[in-house]
Amino acid sequence: MERNAIMQRVMMLSEMWTEALHKYPNVTTFAWVGSSSVEFKTIKGFVMFQTSYEKTLQDTILCLAQPFEPEIQSYGARIIGDLQQYFNEWNKDPALTETTGLIEWQPTARTENVNESEWFVENMNLLALALKISTDNEKLVLALFPSALNDVKAFSNWIELLMNEKIDLPIRIMLYESRDSMYFESLSKKRSNEFKYLYPDLDIAGAMDQILEDTKAAKTSPEEREMVSFQQSLIKMNEAIGYRDEEQVHYYSDTCLKIAQKYRWAAQQALVHFFEHTFYASVNKPEEAHHAIDKAIAIVQSEKNNIKDQTPYQYYIAKGNLYFMSSKFEEAAAVYNNCLTLNSNETNTLLLAGIYQMLANSLRKSAGKEEARNCFITGWELLAQDQQMELKDNTMAMFYAKDMLSVADQAMLNKYHPVMDELWGQNWRNNLDNQYKELTKAK
């Protein structure tokens, strides 16, 4: 097996998981903590690898991505139903059953006097028996990574209810926690003997640098090698932005720009200025932030025939956001309006809707509710072009709807509120508010 930089981290996570099981034999629930979407993908990659034929752990890991939507369907019932269907299909495949035999697991029916958590744990205990997981060196690991999670407090409560039940020793629950939210923190304090956080040092920047060094070695032309050097310096510039190290930001910015200017890479030059803007905005230097983003916009304007992706939108949005965060709502609205005049062919619908959302919020502050209302409606109709299921599973659409209803008159409420309730249930706004409160409280 090739041990590239990412696989090295997958193996590190595997070792860390095994050590945690040995160190905390009575802990039933573990939560990995990551600080970015890339770290989450790496952790999920570890989980998926350990479900493959190349797995190195003795544990049987089930990656369960069912959405957590308690207002629509019992989360436990959805998982059990999907697992039952999965194992029924497994048993129909001779190539699979030749090595494992039939997996004889039939979930019990839930009765009125049994709560969901008790019923769910009972069936997971039965599944562990059916999978013949009964030794100290093997676990049935339920990796609960919901694809949609609109109410983090309710999810944490659901996990605690599971912990109240008798989870058999062969079973462990695996979760993921964002370092920015830490919504299991109260649970970890209350149930420290049963719940543990795992803090892996994934060093994603180091992994990327290692991968790029390997890539650079395989390149044949000076320009190709310098493109890799540009990418390495850009990663280090981003690290410096995270640490708010202005000297290092300037150093790597200059390094990137020298390479990009040498080869007349316009898009890369604009990207460096965009990251400069990000840094200045983070350290509350609005004048410098505007200057940097204006440079990026000027480049994409002069190279509009050569830069055909959605990058120009991002730079205009960044400019508008600088004004918005400074409460210069009229100026922000003007920039968002300019953004909507860009060529929108093949532009992501959610991106355009997000621009309408920011424009409408700016108009609400600078012009009035009626102007904001009309703008919100235009953006919502754009969103509604998507299939209903895609809209239903999109939290961004819920935040859009919440902002939209904040300026609604009675006619607008009568028309759109029932549509939104049908999508997300009648309690969707409270769920969204609870989620936002949990996230901001954690920060």
Protein backbone atom coordinates (compact mmCIF):
# COMPACT_ATOMS: atom_id res chain seq x y z
CA MET A 1 0.00 0.00 0.00
CA GLU A 2 1.43 3.36 -1.01
CA ARG A 3 1.89 5.63 2.00
CA ASN A 4 1.40 9.12 0.54
CA ALA A 5 0.89 12.12 2.80
CA ILE A 6 -2.86 11.63 3.16
CA MET A 7 -2.58 7.86 3.71
CA GLN A 8 -0.01 8.52 6.43
CA ARG A 9 -2.64 10.58 8.23
CA VAL A 10 -5.27 7.89 7.72
CA MET A 11 -2.90 5.41 9.38
CA MET A 12 -2.20 7.89 12.18
CA LEU A 13 -5.94 8.20 12.84
CA SER A 14 -6.25 4.40 12.84
CA GLU A 15 -3.53 4.10 15.46
CA MET A 16 -5.05 6.91 17.52
CA TRP A 17 -8.46 5.21 17.44
CA THR A 18 -6.99 1.90 18.62
CA GLU A 19 -5.07 3.61 21.41
CA ALA A 20 -8.21 5.44 22.58
CA LEU A 21 -10.18 2.19 22.78
CA HIS A 22 -7.45 0.61 24.92
CA LYS A 23 -6.93 3.69 27.09
CA TYR A 24 -10.66 4.26 27.73
CA PRO A 25 -12.27 0.80 27.71
CA ASN A 26 -15.47 2.02 29.35
CA VAL A 27 -16.03 5.06 27.14
CA THR A 28 -18.85 4.42 24.69
CA THR A 29 -18.75 7.65 22.69
CA PHE A 30 -15.82 9.39 21.01
CA ALA A 31 -15.81 12.59 18.96
CA TRP A 32 -13.02 13.57 16.59
CA VAL A 33 -12.29 17.31 16.63
CA GLY A 34 -11.28 19.03 13.38
CA SER A 35 -10.82 22.67 12.43
CA SER A 36 -11.74 22.70 8.73
CA SER A 37 -13.70 20.95 6.02
CA VAL A 38 -10.42 19.42 4.80
CA GLU A 39 -9.82 17.89 8.22
CA PHE A 40 -13.37 16.52 8.26
CA LYS A 41 -12.81 14.97 4.83
CA THR A 42 -9.58 13.40 6.07
CA ILE A 43 -11.32 11.93 9.11
CA LYS A 44 -14.19 10.69 6.96
CA GLY A 45 -11.59 9.27 4.57
CA PHE A 46 -10.15 7.29 7.48
CA VAL A 47 -13.63 5.95 8.25
CA MET A 48 -14.30 5.01 4.63
CA PHE A 49 -10.88 3.33 4.32
CA GLN A 50 -11.64 1.22 7.37
CA THR A 51 -14.89 0.07 5.75
CA SER A 52 -13.02 -1.15 2.65
CA TYR A 53 -11.38 -4.49 1.89
CA GLU A 54 -7.98 -2.88 2.60
CA LYS A 55 -8.96 -2.01 6.17
CA THR A 56 -6.32 -2.44 8.87
CA LEU A 57 -8.55 -2.36 11.97
CA GLN A 58 -10.32 -5.38 13.37
CA ASP A 59 -13.32 -3.18 14.13
CA THR A 60 -16.40 -3.20 11.92
CA ILE A 61 -17.18 0.42 11.14
CA LEU A 62 -20.52 1.55 9.72
CA CYS A 63 -20.46 5.07 8.27
CA LEU A 64 -24.01 6.36 8.83
CA ALA A 65 -24.75 9.57 6.94
CA GLN A 66 -28.54 9.65 7.33
CA PRO A 67 -29.77 13.24 7.86
CA PHE A 68 -30.81 14.18 11.37
CA GLU A 69 -34.37 15.45 10.88
CA PRO A 70 -36.35 14.52 14.01
CA GLU A 71 -39.28 16.67 12.94
CA ILE A 72 -39.68 14.51 9.81
CA GLN A 73 -38.63 11.00 10.86
CA SER A 74 -37.11 9.28 13.86
CA TYR A 75 -33.33 9.33 13.34
CA GLY A 76 -32.96 5.89 14.90
CA ALA A 77 -35.76 4.46 12.75
CA ARG A 78 -34.15 5.82 9.58
CA ILE A 79 -30.78 4.27 10.45
CA ILE A 80 -32.30 0.91 11.38
CA GLY A 81 -34.44 0.84 8.23
CA ASP A 82 -31.46 1.63 5.99
CA LEU A 83 -29.26 -0.95 7.72
CA GLN A 84 -31.95 -3.61 7.39
CA GLN A 85 -32.21 -2.94 3.66
CA TYR A 86 -28.41 -2.98 3.35
CA PHE A 87 -27.99 -6.35 5.04
CA ASN A 88 -30.93 -7.82 3.15
CA GLU A 89 -29.13 -6.94 -0.09
CA TRP A 90 -25.86 -8.25 1.33
CA ASN A 91 -27.46 -11.63 2.02
CA LYS A 92 -28.59 -11.87 -1.61
CA ASP A 93 -25.00 -11.68 -2.93
CA PRO A 94 -23.26 -15.09 -2.89
CA ALA A 95 -19.85 -13.47 -3.36
CA LEU A 96 -20.32 -11.62 -0.06
CA THR A 97 -21.99 -14.35 1.98
CA GLU A 98 -19.35 -16.90 0.92
CA THR A 99 -16.89 -15.27 3.33
CA THR A 100 -19.21 -13.80 5.97
CA GLY A 101 -22.15 -16.18 5.88
CA LEU A 102 -25.69 -14.85 6.16
CA ILE A 103 -26.06 -11.89 8.50
CA GLU A 104 -29.15 -12.96 10.39
CA TRP A 105 -30.34 -9.69 11.86
CA GLN A 106 -33.97 -8.70 11.97
CA PRO A 107 -34.73 -5.53 13.91
CA THR A 108 -37.36 -5.69 16.59
CA ALA A 109 -40.51 -3.63 16.20
CA ARG A 110 -40.80 -0.62 18.44
CA THR A 111 -43.69 -0.78 20.90
CA GLU A 112 -45.46 2.18 22.46
CA ASN A 113 -43.91 1.70 25.91
CA VAL A 114 -40.32 1.66 24.58
CA ASN A 115 -38.58 4.97 23.88
CA GLU A 116 -36.55 5.48 20.72
CA SER A 117 -33.11 5.38 22.35
CA GLU A 118 -33.81 2.13 24.18
CA TRP A 119 -35.17 0.55 20.98
CA PHE A 120 -32.23 1.78 18.90
CA VAL A 121 -29.59 0.51 21.34
CA GLU A 122 -31.37 -2.82 21.67
CA ASN A 123 -31.22 -3.31 17.90
CA MET A 124 -27.58 -2.24 17.67
CA ASN A 125 -26.73 -4.76 20.41
CA LEU A 126 -28.55 -7.42 18.39
CA LEU A 127 -26.65 -6.36 15.26
CA ALA A 128 -23.32 -6.77 17.08
CA LEU A 129 -24.35 -10.32 17.96
CA ALA A 130 -25.43 -11.03 14.38
CA LEU A 131 -22.05 -9.77 13.13
CA LYS A 132 -20.35 -12.01 15.72
CA ILE A 133 -18.60 -9.06 17.34
CA SER A 134 -18.01 -10.22 20.86
CA THR A 135 -14.28 -10.06 21.65
CA ASP A 136 -12.37 -7.38 23.52
CA ASN A 137 -10.28 -6.66 20.41
CA GLU A 138 -13.16 -5.95 18.04
CA LYS A 139 -15.88 -3.32 18.09
CA LEU A 140 -18.96 -2.43 16.09
CA VAL A 141 -18.39 1.28 15.49
CA LEU A 142 -21.33 3.46 14.58
CA ALA A 143 -19.84 6.52 12.85
CA LEU A 144 -22.72 9.00 13.00
CA PHE A 145 -21.92 11.70 10.42
CA PRO A 146 -25.34 13.16 9.44
CA SER A 147 -25.43 14.65 5.94
CA ALA A 148 -27.89 17.27 7.23
CA LEU A 149 -27.96 18.57 10.80
CA ASN A 150 -30.30 21.49 11.40
CA ASP A 151 -30.52 21.29 15.19
CA VAL A 152 -27.20 20.53 16.86
CA LYS A 153 -28.63 20.76 20.38
CA ALA A 154 -31.28 18.15 19.58
CA PHE A 155 -28.59 15.90 18.09
CA SER A 156 -26.45 16.22 21.23
CA ASN A 157 -29.51 15.40 23.33
CA TRP A 158 -30.17 12.35 21.14
CA ILE A 159 -26.62 11.11 21.73
CA GLU A 160 -27.01 11.59 25.48
CA LEU A 161 -30.21 9.53 25.46
CA LEU A 162 -28.27 6.70 23.81
CA MET A 163 -25.64 6.93 26.53
CA ASN A 164 -28.38 6.53 29.14
CA GLU A 165 -29.08 3.07 27.75
CA LYS A 166 -27.01 -0.09 28.21
CA ILE A 167 -24.70 -0.03 25.19
CA ASP A 168 -22.97 -3.42 25.08
CA LEU A 169 -19.17 -3.43 25.29
CA PRO A 170 -18.61 -4.41 21.63
CA ILE A 171 -20.32 -1.18 20.47
CA ARG A 172 -18.80 2.28 20.19
CA ILE A 173 -20.21 5.53 18.81
CA MET A 174 -17.98 7.80 16.71
CA LEU A 175 -18.84 11.46 16.05
CA TYR A 176 -17.25 14.50 14.44
CA GLU A 177 -17.03 17.90 16.12
CA SER A 178 -15.95 21.20 14.58
CA ARG A 179 -13.45 23.08 16.73
CA ASP A 180 -15.45 26.25 15.99
CA SER A 181 -18.71 24.86 17.38
CA MET A 182 -17.91 22.28 20.11
CA TYR A 183 -21.59 21.55 20.61
CA PHE A 184 -20.83 18.30 22.49
CA GLU A 185 -18.80 20.18 25.10
CA SER A 186 -21.51 20.18 27.77
CA LEU A 187 -22.03 16.47 27.15
CA SER A 188 -18.32 15.78 27.57
CA LYS A 189 -18.33 17.59 30.92
CA LYS A 190 -21.46 15.86 32.23
CA ARG A 191 -20.50 12.41 31.00
CA SER A 192 -16.70 12.49 31.12
CA ASN A 193 -16.51 8.79 32.03
CA GLU A 194 -18.47 7.82 28.92
CA PHE A 195 -17.55 10.54 26.39
CA LYS A 196 -14.11 11.58 25.15
CA TYR A 197 -12.86 14.06 22.58
CA LEU A 198 -10.05 12.98 20.25
CA TYR A 199 -7.75 15.77 19.01
CA PRO A 200 -5.70 14.56 16.02
CA ASP A 201 -2.81 16.68 14.78
CA LEU A 202 -3.47 16.25 11.07
CA ASP A 203 -1.10 18.98 9.81
CA ILE A 204 -3.01 19.28 6.54
CA ALA A 205 -0.73 22.10 5.39
CA GLY A 206 2.25 19.82 5.87
CA ALA A 207 0.51 17.07 3.92
CA MET A 208 -0.22 19.43 1.05
CA ASP A 209 3.40 20.63 1.03
CA GLN A 210 4.65 17.05 0.95
CA ILE A 211 2.29 16.19 -1.92
CA LEU A 212 3.40 19.29 -3.83
CA GLU A 213 7.09 18.43 -3.32
CA ASP A 214 6.42 15.01 -4.85
CA THR A 215 4.52 16.69 -7.68
CA LYS A 216 7.31 19.21 -8.29
CA ALA A 217 9.87 16.43 -8.58
CA ALA A 218 7.84 14.88 -11.39
CA LYS A 219 7.57 18.10 -13.43
CA THR A 220 9.85 18.64 -16.41
CA SER A 221 9.55 22.34 -17.34
CA PRO A 222 10.68 25.32 -15.21
CA GLU A 223 7.21 26.92 -15.46
CA GLU A 224 5.49 23.77 -14.21
CA ARG A 225 7.88 23.55 -11.27
CA GLU A 226 7.38 27.21 -10.45
CA MET A 227 3.61 26.75 -10.48
CA VAL A 228 4.07 24.16 -7.75
CA SER A 229 6.34 26.57 -5.85
CA PHE A 230 3.62 29.21 -6.17
CA GLN A 231 1.08 26.80 -4.66
CA GLN A 232 3.42 25.96 -1.78
CA SER A 233 3.98 29.63 -0.97
CA LEU A 234 0.25 30.32 -1.20
CA ILE A 235 -0.44 27.57 1.36
CA LYS A 236 2.18 29.09 3.67
CA MET A 237 0.64 32.51 3.16
CA ASN A 238 -2.70 31.12 4.28
CA GLU A 239 -1.07 29.61 7.35
CA ALA A 240 0.43 33.00 8.18
CA ILE A 241 -3.02 34.61 7.77
CA GLY A 242 -4.40 32.11 10.27
CA TYR A 243 -1.67 33.03 12.76
CA ARG A 244 -2.06 36.76 11.92
CA ASP A 245 1.66 37.02 11.25
CA GLU A 246 1.84 40.13 9.06
CA GLU A 247 5.55 39.80 8.31
CA GLN A 248 5.12 36.26 7.01
CA VAL A 249 1.99 37.23 5.05
CA HIS A 250 3.98 39.94 3.24
CA TYR A 251 6.91 37.60 2.62
CA TYR A 252 4.86 34.84 1.01
CA SER A 253 2.64 37.34 -0.80
CA ASP A 254 5.73 38.87 -2.42
CA THR A 255 7.08 35.41 -3.27
CA CYS A 256 3.81 34.42 -4.95
CA LEU A 257 3.48 37.69 -6.87
CA LYS A 258 7.05 37.52 -8.22
CA ILE A 259 6.38 34.07 -9.67
CA ALA A 260 2.91 35.00 -10.99
CA GLN A 261 4.15 38.22 -12.60
CA LYS A 262 7.11 36.45 -14.18
CA TYR A 263 4.78 34.15 -16.10
CA ARG A 264 1.92 36.66 -16.44
CA TRP A 265 -0.51 34.49 -14.52
CA ALA A 266 -3.31 37.01 -14.05
CA ALA A 267 -5.70 34.76 -12.14
CA GLN A 268 -2.98 33.81 -9.66
CA GLN A 269 -2.01 37.46 -9.10
CA ALA A 270 -5.63 38.32 -8.34
CA LEU A 271 -5.85 35.37 -5.93
CA VAL A 272 -2.85 36.61 -3.94
CA HIS A 273 -4.46 40.06 -3.60
CA PHE A 274 -7.69 38.38 -2.48
CA PHE A 275 -5.80 36.60 0.30
CA GLU A 276 -4.13 39.89 1.25
CA HIS A 277 -7.63 41.37 1.60
CA THR A 278 -8.60 38.43 3.81
CA PHE A 279 -5.69 39.09 6.12
CA TYR A 280 -6.31 42.84 6.42
CA ALA A 281 -10.01 42.28 7.06
CA SER A 282 -9.14 39.82 9.85
CA VAL A 283 -6.88 42.34 11.62
CA ASN A 284 -9.38 45.21 11.20
CA LYS A 285 -7.49 47.24 8.61
CA PRO A 286 -10.38 48.11 6.27
CA GLU A 287 -8.47 50.63 4.14
CA GLU A 288 -5.75 48.11 3.30
CA ALA A 289 -8.40 45.41 2.77
CA HIS A 290 -10.25 47.58 0.22
CA HIS A 291 -6.98 48.40 -1.53
CA ALA A 292 -6.09 44.71 -1.87
CA ILE A 293 -9.50 43.57 -3.12
CA ASP A 294 -9.63 46.48 -5.57
CA LYS A 295 -6.39 45.16 -7.07
CA ALA A 296 -7.95 41.71 -7.47
CA ILE A 297 -11.08 43.18 -9.09
CA ALA A 298 -9.03 45.33 -11.47
CA ILE A 299 -7.13 42.25 -12.64
CA VAL A 300 -10.22 40.15 -13.30
CA GLN A 301 -11.88 43.09 -15.09
CA SER A 302 -8.90 43.47 -17.43
CA GLU A 303 -8.70 39.70 -17.97
CA LYS A 304 -12.43 38.98 -18.13
CA ASN A 305 -12.07 37.13 -21.44
CA ASN A 306 -9.47 34.81 -19.92
CA ILE A 307 -11.01 34.25 -16.47
CA LYS A 308 -14.27 32.45 -17.13
CA ASP A 309 -15.00 30.74 -13.81
CA GLN A 310 -16.92 32.19 -10.84
CA THR A 311 -13.87 33.92 -9.34
CA PRO A 312 -14.98 37.49 -10.23
CA TYR A 313 -18.15 36.97 -8.19
CA GLN A 314 -16.10 36.07 -5.13
CA TYR A 315 -14.05 39.25 -5.37
CA TYR A 316 -17.09 41.52 -5.77
CA ILE A 317 -18.80 39.73 -2.87
CA ALA A 318 -15.70 40.27 -0.74
CA LYS A 319 -15.75 44.00 -1.59
CA GLY A 320 -19.45 44.27 -0.78
CA ASN A 321 -18.95 42.39 2.50
CA LEU A 322 -16.28 44.87 3.58
CA TYR A 323 -18.81 47.68 3.19
CA PHE A 324 -21.58 45.66 4.83
CA MET A 325 -19.47 44.80 7.90
CA SER A 326 -18.63 48.51 8.21
CA SER A 327 -22.37 49.36 8.14
CA LYS A 328 -21.97 51.16 4.80
CA PHE A 329 -25.10 49.54 3.45
CA GLU A 330 -25.71 51.82 0.48
CA GLU A 331 -22.17 51.23 -0.80
CA ALA A 332 -22.55 47.50 -0.18
CA ALA A 333 -25.79 47.39 -2.17
CA ALA A 334 -24.09 49.12 -5.11
CA VAL A 335 -21.32 46.51 -5.18
CA TYR A 336 -23.73 43.57 -4.92
CA ASN A 337 -25.76 45.10 -7.76
CA ASN A 338 -22.60 45.31 -9.88
CA CYS A 339 -21.93 41.70 -9.04
CA LEU A 340 -25.29 40.67 -10.48
CA THR A 341 -24.44 42.34 -13.80
CA LEU A 342 -21.62 39.84 -14.39
CA ASN A 343 -22.18 37.11 -16.94
CA SER A 344 -24.30 34.56 -15.05
CA ASN A 345 -24.18 31.73 -17.59
CA GLU A 346 -23.55 28.45 -15.78
CA THR A 347 -23.14 30.29 -12.49
CA ASN A 348 -24.03 28.30 -9.38
CA THR A 349 -27.63 29.04 -8.35
CA LEU A 350 -26.79 29.11 -4.65
CA LEU A 351 -24.04 31.65 -5.30
CA LEU A 352 -26.42 33.98 -7.12
CA ALA A 353 -29.07 33.53 -4.43
CA GLY A 354 -26.48 34.41 -1.80
CA ILE A 355 -25.76 37.67 -3.64
CA TYR A 356 -29.48 38.48 -3.72
CA GLN A 357 -29.63 37.72 0.00
CA MET A 358 -26.80 40.16 0.80
CA LEU A 359 -28.23 42.77 -1.56
CA ALA A 360 -31.66 42.49 0.04
CA ASN A 361 -30.20 42.77 3.54
CA SER A 362 -28.27 45.87 2.43
CA LEU A 363 -31.42 47.38 0.90
CA ARG A 364 -33.36 46.68 4.09
CA LYS A 365 -30.83 48.84 5.95
CA SER A 366 -30.36 51.56 3.31
CA ALA A 367 -33.58 51.81 1.31
CA GLY A 368 -36.47 50.08 3.04
CA LYS A 369 -38.40 46.85 3.44
CA GLU A 370 -40.26 47.07 0.13
CA GLU A 371 -37.06 47.21 -1.93
CA ALA A 372 -35.58 44.39 0.14
CA ARG A 373 -38.78 42.35 -0.22
CA ASN A 374 -38.72 42.50 -4.02
CA CYS A 375 -35.06 41.54 -4.07
CA PHE A 376 -35.62 38.57 -1.75
CA ILE A 377 -38.48 37.34 -3.94
CA THR A 378 -36.30 37.45 -7.06
CA GLY A 379 -33.61 35.42 -5.31
CA TRP A 380 -36.11 32.92 -3.86
CA GLU A 381 -37.60 32.25 -7.27
CA LEU A 382 -34.07 31.54 -8.45
CA LEU A 383 -33.55 29.11 -5.56
CA ALA A 384 -36.89 27.43 -6.22
CA GLN A 385 -35.73 26.43 -9.69
CA ASP A 386 -33.73 23.67 -8.00
CA GLN A 387 -35.37 20.35 -7.29
CA GLN A 388 -37.30 20.47 -4.04
CA MET A 389 -35.16 17.78 -2.42
CA GLU A 390 -31.98 19.79 -3.07
CA LEU A 391 -33.58 22.85 -1.51
CA LYS A 392 -34.90 20.80 1.39
CA ASP A 393 -31.45 19.58 2.40
CA ASN A 394 -29.75 22.96 2.11
CA THR A 395 -29.20 24.96 5.30
CA MET A 396 -28.20 28.04 3.29
CA ALA A 397 -31.70 28.07 1.78
CA MET A 398 -33.18 28.03 5.30
CA PHE A 399 -31.12 31.06 6.34
CA TYR A 400 -32.22 32.79 3.13
CA ALA A 401 -35.86 32.05 3.94
CA LYS A 402 -35.46 33.33 7.51
CA ASP A 403 -34.00 36.63 6.30
CA MET A 404 -36.70 36.87 3.65
CA LEU A 405 -39.54 36.45 6.15
CA SER A 406 -38.02 39.15 8.38
CA VAL A 407 -39.18 41.78 5.84
CA ALA A 408 -42.38 40.05 4.71
CA ASP A 409 -45.78 41.73 4.62
CA GLN A 410 -48.95 39.69 5.09
CA ALA A 411 -49.35 38.89 1.40
CA MET A 412 -45.80 37.63 1.23
CA LEU A 413 -46.27 35.52 4.37
CA ASN A 414 -49.45 33.98 2.97
CA LYS A 415 -47.68 33.01 -0.24
CA TYR A 416 -44.28 31.79 0.93
CA HIS A 417 -44.56 30.68 4.55
CA PRO A 418 -46.59 27.52 3.75
CA VAL A 419 -44.02 26.58 1.08
CA MET A 420 -41.19 26.85 3.59
CA ASP A 421 -43.10 24.92 6.26
CA GLU A 422 -43.69 22.15 3.75
CA LEU A 423 -39.98 21.99 2.98
CA TRP A 424 -38.63 21.99 6.53
CA GLY A 425 -41.51 21.45 8.94
CA GLN A 426 -43.43 24.05 10.93
CA ASN A 427 -40.71 24.40 13.57
CA TRP A 428 -37.88 25.11 11.13
CA ARG A 429 -37.22 28.69 12.24
CA ASN A 430 -36.90 27.73 15.90
CA ASN A 431 -34.57 24.87 14.97
CA LEU A 432 -32.43 27.25 12.94
CA ASP A 433 -32.33 29.79 15.77
CA ASN A 434 -31.31 27.06 18.24
CA GLN A 435 -28.55 25.90 15.92
CA TYR A 436 -27.24 29.44 15.50
CA LYS A 437 -27.32 30.07 19.26
CA GLU A 438 -25.38 26.87 19.94
CA LEU A 439 -22.72 27.79 17.38
CA THR A 440 -22.30 31.37 18.60
CA LYS A 441 -22.30 30.27 22.26
CA ALA A 442 -19.48 27.83 21.50
CA LYS A 443 -17.42 30.55 19.84
